[in-house]
Each structure stands twice: as structure tokens, then as C-alpha cells.
């Protein structure tokens, strides 16, 4: 009797829970935008000439250079999301919630890599191109 109840619960949970697990809306967040950026020397310094020391600060400066100052590298592509200054301000939080490998972090801090950024509702994923 106890085994039958356990099996019945398992079947019920699968019947009720499985459609939710398979739903694309629940499984993955919506990709809002993507862009490619060459993080050149211009992006490693702020507008006052101070060296930037964090991945988020360098990426934020790249987007400010692109959208606000019109300083663009030939490989840079646009995005709508970070054209908004307040969205650039939350980039660090989005980066902390998202994905970026140690290799990519190191490249951003110490080199001038080409990166691909995928923008989701409250996080970003960053990859080397």
C-alpha cells in the first residue's frame, strides 16, 4: 500500500510538473540583444584618462564610447540595450549574475580581445570571439 502511494505521487508529480519543466518560457530567459566589441586601448581608460581595473568598468566604457562618444572600433557592433545610460550603470550587476570564463576575464583585463555579449533580462553572457 505504501509503495503504491509513493508510485502514485511520483506519477502525479511527473504529470503535473513535467509540462512546466519543458516549457521554453520557464527553461530559458529571452535573449534581448547581442553585440560584438573589440575592447581596445580606448576602452581601458575612462573619459578622464584613468586606467580601468575591472571587467565591468571596461565593458561599460566600451558601450559608453560606442553610444555616447561615438568612439568605435571597426569590429564593434551596436545594441539597443546599452544605448541607455541607466542600463550601462547596471552592467556590473548583470555580469555578476551571468557567465564569463576566467580566460575571458583575463583577456579583457590584460589584452584587447574581441568579445561577444549576449544580453538577457537581468544578466549577460560574455565570450571570446
Protein backbone atom coordinates (compact mmCIF):
# COMPACT_ATOMS: atom_id res chain seq x y z
CA UNK A 1 0.00 0.00 0.00
CA UNK A 2 2.83 2.40 0.89
CA UNK A 3 4.67 1.58 -2.36
CA UNK A 4 1.51 2.21 -4.34
CA UNK A 5 1.08 5.64 -2.72
CA UNK A 6 4.71 6.54 -3.47
CA UNK A 7 4.35 5.48 -7.08
CA UNK A 8 1.08 7.33 -7.39
CA UNK A 9 2.69 10.51 -6.01
CA UNK A 10 5.59 10.15 -8.41
CA UNK A 11 3.27 9.73 -11.39
CA UNK A 12 1.18 12.69 -10.26
CA UNK A 13 4.24 14.91 -9.80
CA UNK A 14 5.51 13.95 -13.23
CA UNK A 15 2.14 14.58 -14.86
CA UNK A 16 1.73 17.97 -13.22
CA UNK A 17 5.36 19.12 -13.10
CA UNK A 18 6.75 17.85 -16.40
CA UNK A 19 4.91 20.32 -18.66
CA UNK A 20 6.31 23.20 -16.58
CA UNK A 21 9.83 21.84 -16.81
CA UNK A 22 9.57 21.52 -20.58
CA UNK A 23 8.09 24.96 -21.14
CA UNK A 24 10.57 27.17 -23.05
CA UNK A 25 9.44 30.24 -21.11
CA UNK A 26 10.44 28.60 -17.86
CA UNK A 27 13.55 26.81 -19.09
CA UNK A 28 15.38 29.77 -20.62
CA UNK A 29 15.30 33.53 -20.42
CA UNK A 30 14.68 35.52 -23.54
CA UNK A 31 17.73 36.82 -25.38
CA UNK A 32 17.17 40.57 -25.68
CA UNK A 33 20.16 41.61 -27.76
CA UNK A 34 23.72 40.72 -28.72
CA UNK A 35 26.76 42.68 -29.77
CA UNK A 36 30.40 42.18 -30.66
CA UNK A 37 33.08 44.53 -29.35
CA UNK A 38 36.79 44.95 -29.72
CA UNK A 39 37.92 46.11 -26.27
CA UNK A 40 40.73 48.34 -27.47
CA UNK A 41 43.01 50.65 -25.51
CA UNK A 42 40.32 53.37 -25.69
CA UNK A 43 38.02 51.14 -23.65
CA UNK A 44 40.60 50.50 -20.91
CA UNK A 45 40.60 54.17 -19.79
CA UNK A 46 37.76 56.37 -18.62
CA UNK A 47 36.99 59.78 -20.12
CA UNK A 48 39.37 61.40 -17.60
CA UNK A 49 42.24 59.15 -18.68
CA UNK A 50 42.22 56.90 -15.60
CA UNK A 51 43.04 53.22 -16.18
CA UNK A 52 40.03 50.96 -15.59
CA UNK A 53 40.73 47.90 -13.44
CA UNK A 54 37.56 45.79 -13.63
CA UNK A 55 35.93 43.81 -16.41
CA UNK A 56 32.61 45.56 -15.86
CA UNK A 57 34.20 49.02 -16.00
CA UNK A 58 35.99 48.22 -19.27
CA UNK A 59 32.84 46.80 -20.85
CA UNK A 60 30.79 49.77 -19.61
CA UNK A 61 33.35 52.20 -21.07
CA UNK A 62 33.22 50.36 -24.39
CA UNK A 63 29.45 50.83 -24.56
CA UNK A 64 29.70 54.48 -23.48
CA UNK A 65 32.36 55.02 -26.16
CA UNK A 66 30.11 53.39 -28.72
CA UNK A 67 26.81 55.05 -27.81
CA UNK A 68 27.69 58.36 -26.14
CA UNK A 69 31.06 59.41 -27.52
CA UNK A 70 30.95 57.82 -30.98
CA UNK A 71 34.34 56.14 -30.41
CA UNK A 72 34.06 52.84 -32.23
CA UNK A 73 36.42 50.12 -33.31
CA UNK A 74 35.88 48.66 -36.77
CA UNK A 75 34.66 45.35 -35.30
CA UNK A 76 32.19 46.91 -32.84
CA UNK A 77 28.51 46.32 -33.44
CA UNK A 78 25.59 48.17 -31.92
CA UNK A 79 22.97 47.17 -29.40
CA UNK A 80 19.83 48.90 -28.23
CA UNK A 81 20.02 47.87 -24.57
CA UNK A 82 23.22 49.69 -23.56
CA UNK A 83 22.37 52.81 -25.54
CA UNK A 84 20.54 53.74 -22.33
CA UNK A 85 22.88 55.19 -19.68
CA UNK A 86 20.96 53.61 -16.79
CA UNK A 87 21.33 50.18 -18.41
CA UNK A 88 25.09 50.73 -18.69
CA UNK A 89 25.09 51.53 -14.97
CA UNK A 90 23.73 48.05 -14.11
CA UNK A 91 26.22 46.18 -16.30
CA UNK A 92 28.32 45.08 -13.32
CA UNK A 93 25.30 43.51 -11.61
CA UNK A 94 24.28 41.82 -14.85
CA UNK A 95 27.81 40.48 -15.29
CA UNK A 96 27.85 39.10 -11.74
CA UNK A 97 24.59 37.25 -12.41
CA UNK A 98 25.68 35.96 -15.80
CA UNK A 99 28.51 33.96 -17.30
CA UNK A 100 32.08 34.88 -18.14
CA UNK A 101 35.04 32.49 -18.03
CA UNK A 102 38.31 33.22 -16.22
CA UNK A 103 40.10 33.18 -19.57
CA UNK A 104 37.72 35.83 -20.92
CA UNK A 105 38.08 37.97 -17.78
CA UNK A 106 41.86 37.80 -18.05
CA UNK A 107 41.79 38.73 -21.73
CA UNK A 108 39.54 41.73 -21.06
CA UNK A 109 41.76 42.97 -18.24
CA UNK A 110 45.12 42.44 -19.93
CA UNK A 111 44.58 42.46 -23.70
CA UNK A 112 42.34 43.93 -26.38
CA UNK A 113 40.04 40.99 -27.15
CA UNK A 114 37.10 40.68 -29.46
CA UNK A 115 34.11 39.63 -27.36
CA UNK A 116 30.54 38.51 -27.99
CA UNK A 117 27.98 39.68 -25.43
CA UNK A 118 24.53 38.16 -25.08
CA UNK A 119 22.10 40.35 -23.15
CA UNK A 120 19.24 38.80 -21.18
CA UNK A 121 16.69 40.46 -18.90
CA UNK A 122 18.91 40.66 -15.80
CA UNK A 123 22.25 39.13 -16.80
CA UNK A 124 24.80 38.93 -19.61
CA UNK A 125 26.94 36.16 -21.03
CA UNK A 126 30.36 37.12 -22.38
CA UNK A 127 32.52 35.02 -24.70
CA UNK A 128 35.77 35.48 -26.58
CA UNK A 129 35.25 35.62 -30.33
